[in-house]
Amino acid sequence: MATFFLILISVFIIISNIVGFISYKKKKSLYAAALTILILAALFGAIGGILALLIIRDAFAIFYGLQVGYYLLINSAMVLLLAVIVTVIKQYNNK
């Protein structure tokens, strides 16, 4: 069961990063990409929770889905931190 959720986390992280990259290419904003990944973290966390409830069939299975959302939130925080660092470097180079 643990391997299924590890694969699910990996697939969701890859999908959210690809969608975030597409968002970055469209809007040319790292902050928009970070916001997109943050919104997808909530969406994929809910999907993971529903999948966990359907597979495990236990009331506490929702916490497995929340764990999927937790890792996606960490991914979103890393993208946001990267966006802040890039903005600071751009501001420093412009001066």
Protein backbone atom coordinates (compact mmCIF):
# COMPACT_ATOMS: atom_id res chain seq x y z
CA MET A 1 0.00 0.00 0.00
CA ALA A 2 2.86 2.36 0.80
CA THR A 3 4.38 1.92 -2.63
CA PHE A 4 1.09 2.90 -4.25
CA PHE A 5 1.00 6.19 -2.36
CA LEU A 6 4.68 6.87 -3.07
CA ILE A 7 4.00 6.40 -6.77
CA LEU A 8 0.89 8.58 -6.46
CA ILE A 9 2.90 11.34 -4.77
CA SER A 10 5.57 11.15 -7.47
CA VAL A 11 3.04 11.30 -10.29
CA PHE A 12 1.16 14.21 -8.72
CA ILE A 13 4.40 16.16 -8.15
CA ILE A 14 5.47 15.62 -11.75
CA ILE A 15 2.04 16.64 -13.09
CA SER A 16 1.85 19.75 -10.91
CA ASN A 17 5.35 20.84 -11.91
CA ILE A 18 4.56 20.37 -15.60
CA VAL A 19 1.35 22.39 -15.24
CA GLY A 20 3.30 25.04 -13.30
CA PHE A 21 5.89 25.17 -16.09
CA ILE A 22 3.16 25.62 -18.68
CA SER A 23 1.69 28.40 -16.54
CA TYR A 24 5.12 30.04 -16.37
CA LYS A 25 5.51 29.87 -20.15
CA LYS A 26 2.10 31.50 -20.67
CA LYS A 27 2.29 34.29 -18.10
CA LYS A 28 6.08 34.69 -17.72
CA SER A 29 5.71 34.90 -13.95
CA LEU A 30 7.31 32.58 -11.45
CA TYR A 31 4.79 33.67 -8.85
CA ALA A 32 1.91 32.58 -11.08
CA ALA A 33 3.60 29.20 -11.49
CA ALA A 34 4.00 28.88 -7.70
CA LEU A 35 0.34 29.80 -7.19
CA THR A 36 -0.70 27.23 -9.79
CA ILE A 37 1.30 24.54 -8.03
CA LEU A 38 -0.21 25.59 -4.68
CA ILE A 39 -3.74 25.28 -6.05
CA LEU A 40 -2.90 21.91 -7.57
CA ALA A 41 -1.54 20.78 -4.18
CA ALA A 42 -4.98 21.28 -2.66
CA LEU A 43 -6.69 19.60 -5.61
CA PHE A 44 -4.34 16.61 -5.70
CA GLY A 45 -4.47 16.30 -1.92
CA ALA A 46 -8.24 15.96 -2.15
CA ILE A 47 -7.93 13.44 -4.97
CA GLY A 48 -5.37 11.48 -2.92
CA GLY A 49 -7.71 11.49 0.05
CA ILE A 50 -10.60 10.19 -2.02
CA LEU A 51 -8.40 7.49 -3.55
CA ALA A 52 -7.19 6.48 -0.09
CA LEU A 53 -10.77 6.23 1.15
CA LEU A 54 -11.77 4.12 -1.83
CA ILE A 55 -8.77 1.79 -1.60
CA ILE A 56 -8.31 1.36 2.16
CA ARG A 57 -11.98 1.77 3.16
CA ASP A 58 -11.22 3.19 6.58
CA ALA A 59 -12.12 6.54 8.08
CA PHE A 60 -8.51 7.30 8.92
CA ALA A 61 -7.39 6.70 5.33
CA ILE A 62 -8.03 10.37 4.60
CA PHE A 63 -4.72 11.08 6.36
CA TYR A 64 -2.87 9.25 3.58
CA GLY A 65 -4.44 11.65 1.12
CA LEU A 66 -3.49 14.58 3.30
CA GLN A 67 0.08 13.30 3.26
CA VAL A 68 0.00 13.50 -0.54
CA GLY A 69 -1.15 17.11 -0.24
CA TYR A 70 1.57 17.81 2.34
CA TYR A 71 4.35 16.79 -0.02
CA LEU A 72 2.80 18.87 -2.78
CA LEU A 73 2.70 21.87 -0.42
CA ILE A 74 6.40 21.38 0.29
CA ASN A 75 6.98 21.33 -3.48
CA SER A 76 4.97 24.54 -3.83
CA ALA A 77 6.98 26.20 -1.05
CA MET A 78 10.21 25.29 -2.81
CA VAL A 79 8.97 26.83 -6.07
CA LEU A 80 7.90 29.98 -4.22
CA LEU A 81 11.30 30.21 -2.50
CA LEU A 82 12.98 29.78 -5.89
CA ALA A 83 10.81 32.58 -7.32
CA VAL A 84 11.81 34.92 -4.47
CA ILE A 85 15.50 34.10 -4.93
CA VAL A 86 15.31 34.72 -8.68
CA THR A 87 13.52 38.04 -8.09
CA VAL A 88 16.17 39.14 -5.60
CA ILE A 89 18.96 38.22 -8.02
CA LYS A 90 17.25 40.11 -10.85
CA GLN A 91 16.84 43.19 -8.65
CA TYR A 92 20.47 42.98 -7.59
CA ASN A 93 21.71 42.68 -11.19
CA ASN A 94 19.59 45.63 -12.33
CA LYS A 95 21.29 47.96 -9.83
